[in-house]
């Protein structure tokens, strides 16, 4: 989920993240709940659709993904 959020843009709906991850919406919500409890993502209400929720990386989440990608690229050289 973190990598998907990092790669698709600044924020995405829960339904779209589930679709991109080939996961059920309930599985996506459980992961998002966990990531939010760790301070890695934030949720925001959709401005026009009361059923939809946007998810975006927190600053801590962005730092973690960048560090992971940097370390992964460095270890391959």
PDB file of N, CA and C in Angstrom:
ATOM      1  N   UNK A   1       0.818  -1.185   0.000  1.00  0.00           N
ATOM      2  CA  UNK A   1       0.000   0.000   0.000  1.00  0.00           C
ATOM      3  C   UNK A   1       0.868   1.258   0.000  1.00  0.00           C
ATOM      4  N   UNK A   2       1.924   1.251   0.792  1.00  0.00           N
ATOM      5  CA  UNK A   2       2.788   2.429   0.828  1.00  0.00           C
ATOM      6  C   UNK A   2       3.408   2.696  -0.534  1.00  0.00           C
ATOM      7  N   UNK A   3       3.923   1.662  -1.148  1.00  0.00           N
ATOM      8  CA  UNK A   3       4.552   1.829  -2.455  1.00  0.00           C
ATOM      9  C   UNK A   3       3.532   2.252  -3.506  1.00  0.00           C
ATOM     10  N   UNK A   4       2.337   1.712  -3.439  1.00  0.00           N
ATOM     11  CA  UNK A   4       1.285   2.130  -4.364  1.00  0.00           C
ATOM     12  C   UNK A   4       0.973   3.611  -4.190  1.00  0.00           C
ATOM     13  N   UNK A   5       0.801   4.050  -2.968  1.00  0.00           N
ATOM     14  CA  UNK A   5       0.519   5.466  -2.730  1.00  0.00           C
ATOM     15  C   UNK A   5       1.655   6.349  -3.222  1.00  0.00           C
ATOM     16  N   UNK A   6       2.861   5.902  -3.025  1.00  0.00           N
ATOM     17  CA  UNK A   6       4.020   6.677  -3.475  1.00  0.00           C
ATOM     18  C   UNK A   6       4.054   6.768  -4.996  1.00  0.00           C
ATOM     19  N   UNK A   7       3.703   5.678  -5.670  1.00  0.00           N
ATOM     20  CA  UNK A   7       3.835   5.638  -7.124  1.00  0.00           C
ATOM     21  C   UNK A   7       2.643   6.221  -7.878  1.00  0.00           C
ATOM     22  N   UNK A   8       1.425   6.146  -7.326  1.00  0.00           N
ATOM     23  CA  UNK A   8       0.257   6.620  -8.079  1.00  0.00           C
ATOM     24  C   UNK A   8      -0.031   8.099  -7.862  1.00  0.00           C
ATOM     25  N   UNK A   9       0.504   8.687  -6.866  1.00  0.00           N
ATOM     26  CA  UNK A   9       0.267  10.106  -6.675  1.00  0.00           C
ATOM     27  C   UNK A   9       0.072  10.465  -5.224  1.00  0.00           C
ATOM     28  N   UNK A  10      -0.267  11.721  -4.991  1.00  0.00           N
ATOM     29  CA  UNK A  10      -0.312  12.203  -3.608  1.00  0.00           C
ATOM     30  C   UNK A  10      -1.428  11.587  -2.770  1.00  0.00           C
ATOM     31  N   UNK A  11      -2.540  11.236  -3.392  1.00  0.00           N
ATOM     32  CA  UNK A  11      -3.618  10.596  -2.630  1.00  0.00           C
ATOM     33  C   UNK A  11      -4.496   9.797  -3.568  1.00  0.00           C
ATOM     34  N   UNK A  12      -5.147   8.800  -2.979  1.00  0.00           N
ATOM     35  CA  UNK A  12      -5.991   7.895  -3.764  1.00  0.00           C
ATOM     36  C   UNK A  12      -7.118   7.401  -2.871  1.00  0.00           C
ATOM     37  N   UNK A  13      -8.200   6.948  -3.488  1.00  0.00           N
ATOM     38  CA  UNK A  13      -9.310   6.416  -2.697  1.00  0.00           C
ATOM     39  C   UNK A  13      -8.991   4.993  -2.244  1.00  0.00           C
ATOM     40  N   UNK A  14      -9.654   4.582  -1.185  1.00  0.00           N
ATOM     41  CA  UNK A  14      -9.476   3.227  -0.666  1.00  0.00           C
ATOM     42  C   UNK A  14      -9.847   2.205  -1.737  1.00  0.00           C
ATOM     43  N   UNK A  15     -10.945   2.434  -2.430  1.00  0.00           N
ATOM     44  CA  UNK A  15     -11.386   1.507  -3.473  1.00  0.00           C
ATOM     45  C   UNK A  15     -10.370   1.356  -4.585  1.00  0.00           C
ATOM     46  N   UNK A  16      -9.790   2.463  -5.009  1.00  0.00           N
ATOM     47  CA  UNK A  16      -8.781   2.410  -6.078  1.00  0.00           C
ATOM     48  C   UNK A  16      -7.515   1.703  -5.595  1.00  0.00           C
ATOM     49  N   UNK A  17      -7.104   1.951  -4.357  1.00  0.00           N
ATOM     50  CA  UNK A  17      -5.932   1.256  -3.815  1.00  0.00           C
ATOM     51  C   UNK A  17      -6.169  -0.247  -3.756  1.00  0.00           C
ATOM     52  N   UNK A  18      -7.357  -0.643  -3.340  1.00  0.00           N
ATOM     53  CA  UNK A  18      -7.691  -2.070  -3.294  1.00  0.00           C
ATOM     54  C   UNK A  18      -7.596  -2.672  -4.692  1.00  0.00           C
ATOM     55  N   UNK A  19      -8.142  -1.966  -5.658  1.00  0.00           N
ATOM     56  CA  UNK A  19      -8.097  -2.433  -7.048  1.00  0.00           C
ATOM     57  C   UNK A  19      -6.658  -2.570  -7.545  1.00  0.00           C
ATOM     58  N   UNK A  20      -5.839  -1.573  -7.290  1.00  0.00           N
ATOM     59  CA  UNK A  20      -4.443  -1.594  -7.741  1.00  0.00           C
ATOM     60  C   UNK A  20      -3.628  -2.688  -7.053  1.00  0.00           C
ATOM     61  N   UNK A  21      -3.990  -3.005  -5.807  1.00  0.00           N
ATOM     62  CA  UNK A  21      -3.277  -4.029  -5.043  1.00  0.00           C
ATOM     63  C   UNK A  21      -3.840  -5.429  -5.279  1.00  0.00           C
ATOM     64  N   UNK A  22      -4.872  -5.522  -6.121  1.00  0.00           N
ATOM     65  CA  UNK A  22      -5.553  -6.809  -6.356  1.00  0.00           C
ATOM     66  C   UNK A  22      -6.002  -7.426  -5.036  1.00  0.00           C
ATOM     67  N   UNK A  23      -6.572  -6.567  -4.186  1.00  0.00           N
ATOM     68  CA  UNK A  23      -7.036  -7.002  -2.870  1.00  0.00           C
ATOM     69  C   UNK A  23      -8.497  -6.616  -2.708  1.00  0.00           C
ATOM     70  N   UNK A  24      -9.167  -7.275  -1.788  1.00  0.00           N
ATOM     71  CA  UNK A  24     -10.539  -6.882  -1.487  1.00  0.00           C
ATOM     72  C   UNK A  24     -10.511  -5.542  -0.755  1.00  0.00           C
ATOM     73  N   UNK A  25     -11.624  -4.853  -0.790  1.00  0.00           N
ATOM     74  CA  UNK A  25     -11.690  -3.568  -0.107  1.00  0.00           C
ATOM     75  C   UNK A  25     -11.491  -3.752   1.399  1.00  0.00           C
ATOM     76  N   UNK A  26     -12.023  -4.835   1.967  1.00  0.00           N
ATOM     77  CA  UNK A  26     -11.850  -5.058   3.406  1.00  0.00           C
ATOM     78  C   UNK A  26     -10.386  -5.307   3.761  1.00  0.00           C
ATOM     79  N   UNK A  27      -9.665  -6.011   2.898  1.00  0.00           N
ATOM     80  CA  UNK A  27      -8.227  -6.226   3.132  1.00  0.00           C
ATOM     81  C   UNK A  27      -7.479  -4.901   3.053  1.00  0.00           C
ATOM     82  N   UNK A  28      -7.816  -4.094   2.066  1.00  0.00           N
ATOM     83  CA  UNK A  28      -7.177  -2.783   1.924  1.00  0.00           C
ATOM     84  C   UNK A  28      -7.440  -1.922   3.155  1.00  0.00           C
ATOM     85  N   UNK A  29      -8.664  -1.944   3.644  1.00  0.00           N
ATOM     86  CA  UNK A  29      -9.010  -1.149   4.823  1.00  0.00           C
ATOM     87  C   UNK A  29      -8.224  -1.613   6.046  1.00  0.00           C
ATOM     88  N   UNK A  30      -8.069  -2.929   6.209  1.00  0.00           N
ATOM     89  CA  UNK A  30      -7.274  -3.435   7.345  1.00  0.00           C
ATOM     90  C   UNK A  30      -5.839  -2.952   7.254  1.00  0.00           C
ATOM     91  N   UNK A  31      -5.231  -2.985   6.072  1.00  0.00           N
ATOM     92  CA  UNK A  31      -3.864  -2.503   5.895  1.00  0.00           C
ATOM     93  C   UNK A  31      -3.780  -0.999   6.155  1.00  0.00           C
ATOM     94  N   UNK A  32      -4.751  -0.267   5.648  1.00  0.00           N
ATOM     95  CA  UNK A  32      -4.752   1.182   5.851  1.00  0.00           C
ATOM     96  C   UNK A  32      -4.926   1.510   7.330  1.00  0.00           C
ATOM     97  N   UNK A  33      -5.774   0.767   8.025  1.00  0.00           N
ATOM     98  CA  UNK A  33      -5.923   0.946   9.478  1.00  0.00           C
ATOM     99  C   UNK A  33      -4.575   0.778  10.175  1.00  0.00           C
ATOM    100  N   UNK A  34      -3.866  -0.279   9.808  1.00  0.00           N
ATOM    101  CA  UNK A  34      -2.563  -0.540  10.418  1.00  0.00           C
ATOM    102  C   UNK A  34      -1.564   0.571  10.092  1.00  0.00           C
ATOM    103  N   UNK A  35      -1.494   0.943   8.819  1.00  0.00           N
ATOM    104  CA  UNK A  35      -0.545   1.983   8.401  1.00  0.00           C
ATOM    105  C   UNK A  35      -0.862   3.317   9.066  1.00  0.00           C
ATOM    106  N   UNK A  36      -2.140   3.599   9.238  1.00  0.00           N
ATOM    107  CA  UNK A  36      -2.531   4.837   9.918  1.00  0.00           C
ATOM    108  C   UNK A  36      -2.127   4.779  11.400  1.00  0.00           C
ATOM    109  N   UNK A  37      -2.279   3.623  12.032  1.00  0.00           N
ATOM    110  CA  UNK A  37      -1.893   3.488  13.443  1.00  0.00           C
ATOM    111  C   UNK A  37      -0.386   3.672  13.637  1.00  0.00           C
ATOM    112  N   UNK A  38       0.383   3.419  12.586  1.00  0.00           N
ATOM    113  CA  UNK A  38       1.835   3.598  12.629  1.00  0.00           C
ATOM    114  C   UNK A  38       2.260   5.004  12.204  1.00  0.00           C
ATOM    115  N   UNK A  39       1.289   5.824  11.821  1.00  0.00           N
ATOM    116  CA  UNK A  39       1.587   7.200  11.413  1.00  0.00           C
ATOM    117  C   UNK A  39       2.126   7.322  10.006  1.00  0.00           C
ATOM    118  N   UNK A  40       1.893   6.308   9.160  1.00  0.00           N
ATOM    119  CA  UNK A  40       2.457   6.305   7.820  1.00  0.00           C
ATOM    120  C   UNK A  40       1.512   6.833   6.748  1.00  0.00           C
ATOM    121  N   UNK A  41       0.219   6.806   7.020  1.00  0.00           N
ATOM    122  CA  UNK A  41      -0.768   7.351   6.087  1.00  0.00           C
ATOM    123  C   UNK A  41      -1.788   8.191   6.859  1.00  0.00           C
ATOM    124  N   UNK A  42      -2.493   9.028   6.119  1.00  0.00           N
ATOM    125  CA  UNK A  42      -3.574   9.853   6.668  1.00  0.00           C
ATOM    126  C   UNK A  42      -4.804   9.636   5.800  1.00  0.00           C
ATOM    127  N   UNK A  43      -5.964   9.743   6.411  1.00  0.00           N
ATOM    128  CA  UNK A  43      -7.227   9.643   5.675  1.00  0.00           C
ATOM    129  C   UNK A  43      -7.890  11.014   5.627  1.00  0.00           C
ATOM    130  N   UNK A  44      -8.633  11.220   4.558  1.00  0.00           N
ATOM    131  CA  UNK A  44      -9.351  12.483   4.389  1.00  0.00           C
ATOM    132  C   UNK A  44     -10.673  12.196   3.690  1.00  0.00           C
ATOM    133  N   UNK A  45     -11.732  12.813   4.151  1.00  0.00           N
ATOM    134  CA  UNK A  45     -13.043  12.618   3.531  1.00  0.00           C
ATOM    135  C   UNK A  45     -13.040  13.180   2.112  1.00  0.00           C
ATOM    136  N   UNK A  46     -13.704  12.474   1.208  1.00  0.00           N
ATOM    137  CA  UNK A  46     -13.882  12.948  -0.165  1.00  0.00           C
ATOM    138  C   UNK A  46     -14.803  14.165  -0.121  1.00  0.00           C
ATOM    139  N   UNK A  47     -14.490  15.226  -0.845  1.00  0.00           N
ATOM    140  CA  UNK A  47     -15.301  16.438  -0.742  1.00  0.00           C
ATOM    141  C   UNK A  47     -16.728  16.317  -1.292  1.00  0.00           C
ATOM    142  N   UNK A  48     -16.956  15.417  -2.241  1.00  0.00           N
ATOM    143  CA  UNK A  48     -18.287  15.316  -2.849  1.00  0.00           C
ATOM    144  C   UNK A  48     -18.952  13.961  -2.682  1.00  0.00           C
ATOM    145  N   UNK A  49     -18.186  12.927  -2.369  1.00  0.00           N
ATOM    146  CA  UNK A  49     -18.730  11.573  -2.227  1.00  0.00           C
ATOM    147  C   UNK A  49     -18.553  11.122  -0.783  1.00  0.00           C
ATOM    148  N   UNK A  50     -19.640  11.121  -0.031  1.00  0.00           N
ATOM    149  CA  UNK A  50     -19.550  10.792   1.402  1.00  0.00           C
ATOM    150  C   UNK A  50     -19.152   9.337   1.659  1.00  0.00           C
ATOM    151  N   UNK A  51     -19.250   8.481   0.644  1.00  0.00           N
ATOM    152  CA  UNK A  51     -18.868   7.074   0.813  1.00  0.00           C
ATOM    153  C   UNK A  51     -17.380   6.851   0.591  1.00  0.00           C
ATOM    154  N   UNK A  52     -16.712   7.780  -0.069  1.00  0.00           N
ATOM    155  CA  UNK A  52     -15.305   7.601  -0.438  1.00  0.00           C
ATOM    156  C   UNK A  52     -14.383   8.299   0.567  1.00  0.00           C
ATOM    157  N   UNK A  53     -13.245   7.693   0.768  1.00  0.00           N
ATOM    158  CA  UNK A  53     -12.208   8.235   1.648  1.00  0.00           C
ATOM    159  C   UNK A  53     -10.904   8.290   0.861  1.00  0.00           C
ATOM    160  N   UNK A  54     -10.222   9.410   0.926  1.00  0.00           N
ATOM    161  CA  UNK A  54      -8.893   9.524   0.336  1.00  0.00           C
ATOM    162  C   UNK A  54      -7.854   9.070   1.354  1.00  0.00           C
ATOM    163  N   UNK A  55      -6.811   8.453   0.859  1.00  0.00           N
ATOM    164  CA  UNK A  55      -5.669   8.049   1.684  1.00  0.00           C
ATOM    165  C   UNK A  55      -4.439   8.683   1.068  1.00  0.00           C
ATOM    166  N   UNK A  56      -3.578   9.214   1.916  1.00  0.00           N
ATOM    167  CA  UNK A  56      -2.321   9.769   1.416  1.00  0.00           C
ATOM    168  C   UNK A  56      -1.196   9.453   2.385  1.00  0.00           C
ATOM    169  N   UNK A  57       0.009   9.453   1.862  1.00  0.00           N
ATOM    170  CA  UNK A  57       1.177   9.212   2.697  1.00  0.00           C
ATOM    171  C   UNK A  57       1.391  10.385   3.639  1.00  0.00           C
ATOM    172  N   UNK A  58       1.729  10.089   4.869  1.00  0.00           N
ATOM    173  CA  UNK A  58       2.140  11.134   5.806  1.00  0.00           C
ATOM    174  C   UNK A  58       3.600  11.475   5.505  1.00  0.00           C
ATOM    175  N   UNK A  59       4.101  12.508   6.132  1.00  0.00           N
ATOM    176  CA  UNK A  59       5.522  12.838   5.954  1.00  0.00           C
ATOM    177  C   UNK A  59       6.402  11.670   6.389  1.00  0.00           C
ATOM    178  N   UNK A  60       6.010  11.015   7.481  1.00  0.00           N
ATOM    179  CA  UNK A  60       6.759   9.852   7.972  1.00  0.00           C
ATOM    180  C   UNK A  60       6.715   8.718   6.939  1.00  0.00           C
ATOM    181  N   UNK A  61       5.568   8.498   6.316  1.00  0.00           N
ATOM    182  CA  UNK A  61       5.428   7.467   5.290  1.00  0.00           C
ATOM    183  C   UNK A  61       6.288   7.755   4.075  1.00  0.00           C
ATOM    184  N   UNK A  62       6.313   9.018   3.660  1.00  0.00           N
ATOM    185  CA  UNK A  62       7.148   9.414   2.510  1.00  0.00           C
ATOM    186  C   UNK A  62       8.617   9.179   2.811  1.00  0.00           C
ATOM    187  N   UNK A  63       9.039   9.561   4.012  1.00  0.00           N
ATOM    188  CA  UNK A  63      10.436   9.356   4.404  1.00  0.00           C
ATOM    189  C   UNK A  63      10.798   7.873   4.392  1.00  0.00           C
ATOM    190  N   UNK A  64       9.912   7.044   4.929  1.00  0.00           N
ATOM    191  CA  UNK A  64      10.171   5.611   5.003  1.00  0.00           C
ATOM    192  C   UNK A  64      10.310   5.004   3.608  1.00  0.00           C
ATOM    193  N   UNK A  65       9.414   5.368   2.696  1.00  0.00           N
ATOM    194  CA  UNK A  65       9.477   4.844   1.328  1.00  0.00           C
ATOM    195  C   UNK A  65      10.735   5.320   0.624  1.00  0.00           C
ATOM    196  N   UNK A  66      11.064   6.582   0.763  1.00  0.00           N
ATOM    197  CA  UNK A  66      12.289   7.105   0.118  1.00  0.00           C
ATOM    198  C   UNK A  66      13.533   6.409   0.647  1.00  0.00           C
ATOM    199  N   UNK A  67      13.575   6.196   1.947  1.00  0.00           N
ATOM    200  CA  UNK A  67      14.712   5.492   2.545  1.00  0.00           C
ATOM    201  C   UNK A  67      14.794   4.066   2.022  1.00  0.00           C
ATOM    202  N   UNK A  68      13.656   3.382   1.960  1.00  0.00           N
ATOM    203  CA  UNK A  68      13.607   2.016   1.435  1.00  0.00           C
ATOM    204  C   UNK A  68      14.107   1.974  -0.006  1.00  0.00           C
ATOM    205  N   UNK A  69      13.613   2.884  -0.852  1.00  0.00           N
ATOM    206  CA  UNK A  69      14.015   2.898  -2.253  1.00  0.00           C
ATOM    207  C   UNK A  69      15.503   3.235  -2.392  1.00  0.00           C
ATOM    208  N   UNK A  70      15.986   4.169  -1.602  1.00  0.00           N
ATOM    209  CA  UNK A  70      17.404   4.542  -1.637  1.00  0.00           C
ATOM    210  C   UNK A  70      18.272   3.347  -1.226  1.00  0.00           C
ATOM    211  N   UNK A  71      17.914   2.696  -0.129  1.00  0.00           N
ATOM    212  CA  UNK A  71      18.672   1.534   0.344  1.00  0.00           C
ATOM    213  C   UNK A  71      18.638   0.388  -0.637  1.00  0.00           C
ATOM    214  N   UNK A  72      17.473   0.175  -1.272  1.00  0.00           N
ATOM    215  CA  UNK A  72      17.342  -0.902  -2.248  1.00  0.00           C
ATOM    216  C   UNK A  72      18.215  -0.623  -3.468  1.00  0.00           C
ATOM    217  N   UNK A  73      18.191   0.603  -3.961  1.00  0.00           N
ATOM    218  CA  UNK A  73      19.002   0.960  -5.123  1.00  0.00           C
ATOM    219  C   UNK A  73      20.489   0.886  -4.794  1.00  0.00           C
ATOM    220  N   UNK A  74      20.853   1.308  -3.606  1.00  0.00           N
ATOM    221  CA  UNK A  74      22.257   1.294  -3.193  1.00  0.00           C
ATOM    222  C   UNK A  74      22.781  -0.126  -3.041  1.00  0.00           C
ATOM    223  N   UNK A  75      21.932  -1.036  -2.543  1.00  0.00           N
ATOM    224  CA  UNK A  75      22.391  -2.402  -2.308  1.00  0.00           C
ATOM    225  C   UNK A  75      22.547  -3.193  -3.614  1.00  0.00           C
ATOM    226  N   UNK A  76      21.924  -2.728  -4.693  1.00  0.00           N
ATOM    227  CA  UNK A  76      22.028  -3.409  -5.977  1.00  0.00           C
ATOM    228  C   UNK A  76      23.277  -3.008  -6.753  1.00  0.00           C
ATOM    229  N   UNK A  77      23.997  -1.998  -6.301  1.00  0.00           N
ATOM    230  CA  UNK A  77      25.190  -1.569  -7.035  1.00  0.00           C
ATOM    231  C   UNK A  77      26.435  -2.116  -6.404  1.00  0.00           C
TER     232      UNK A  77
END
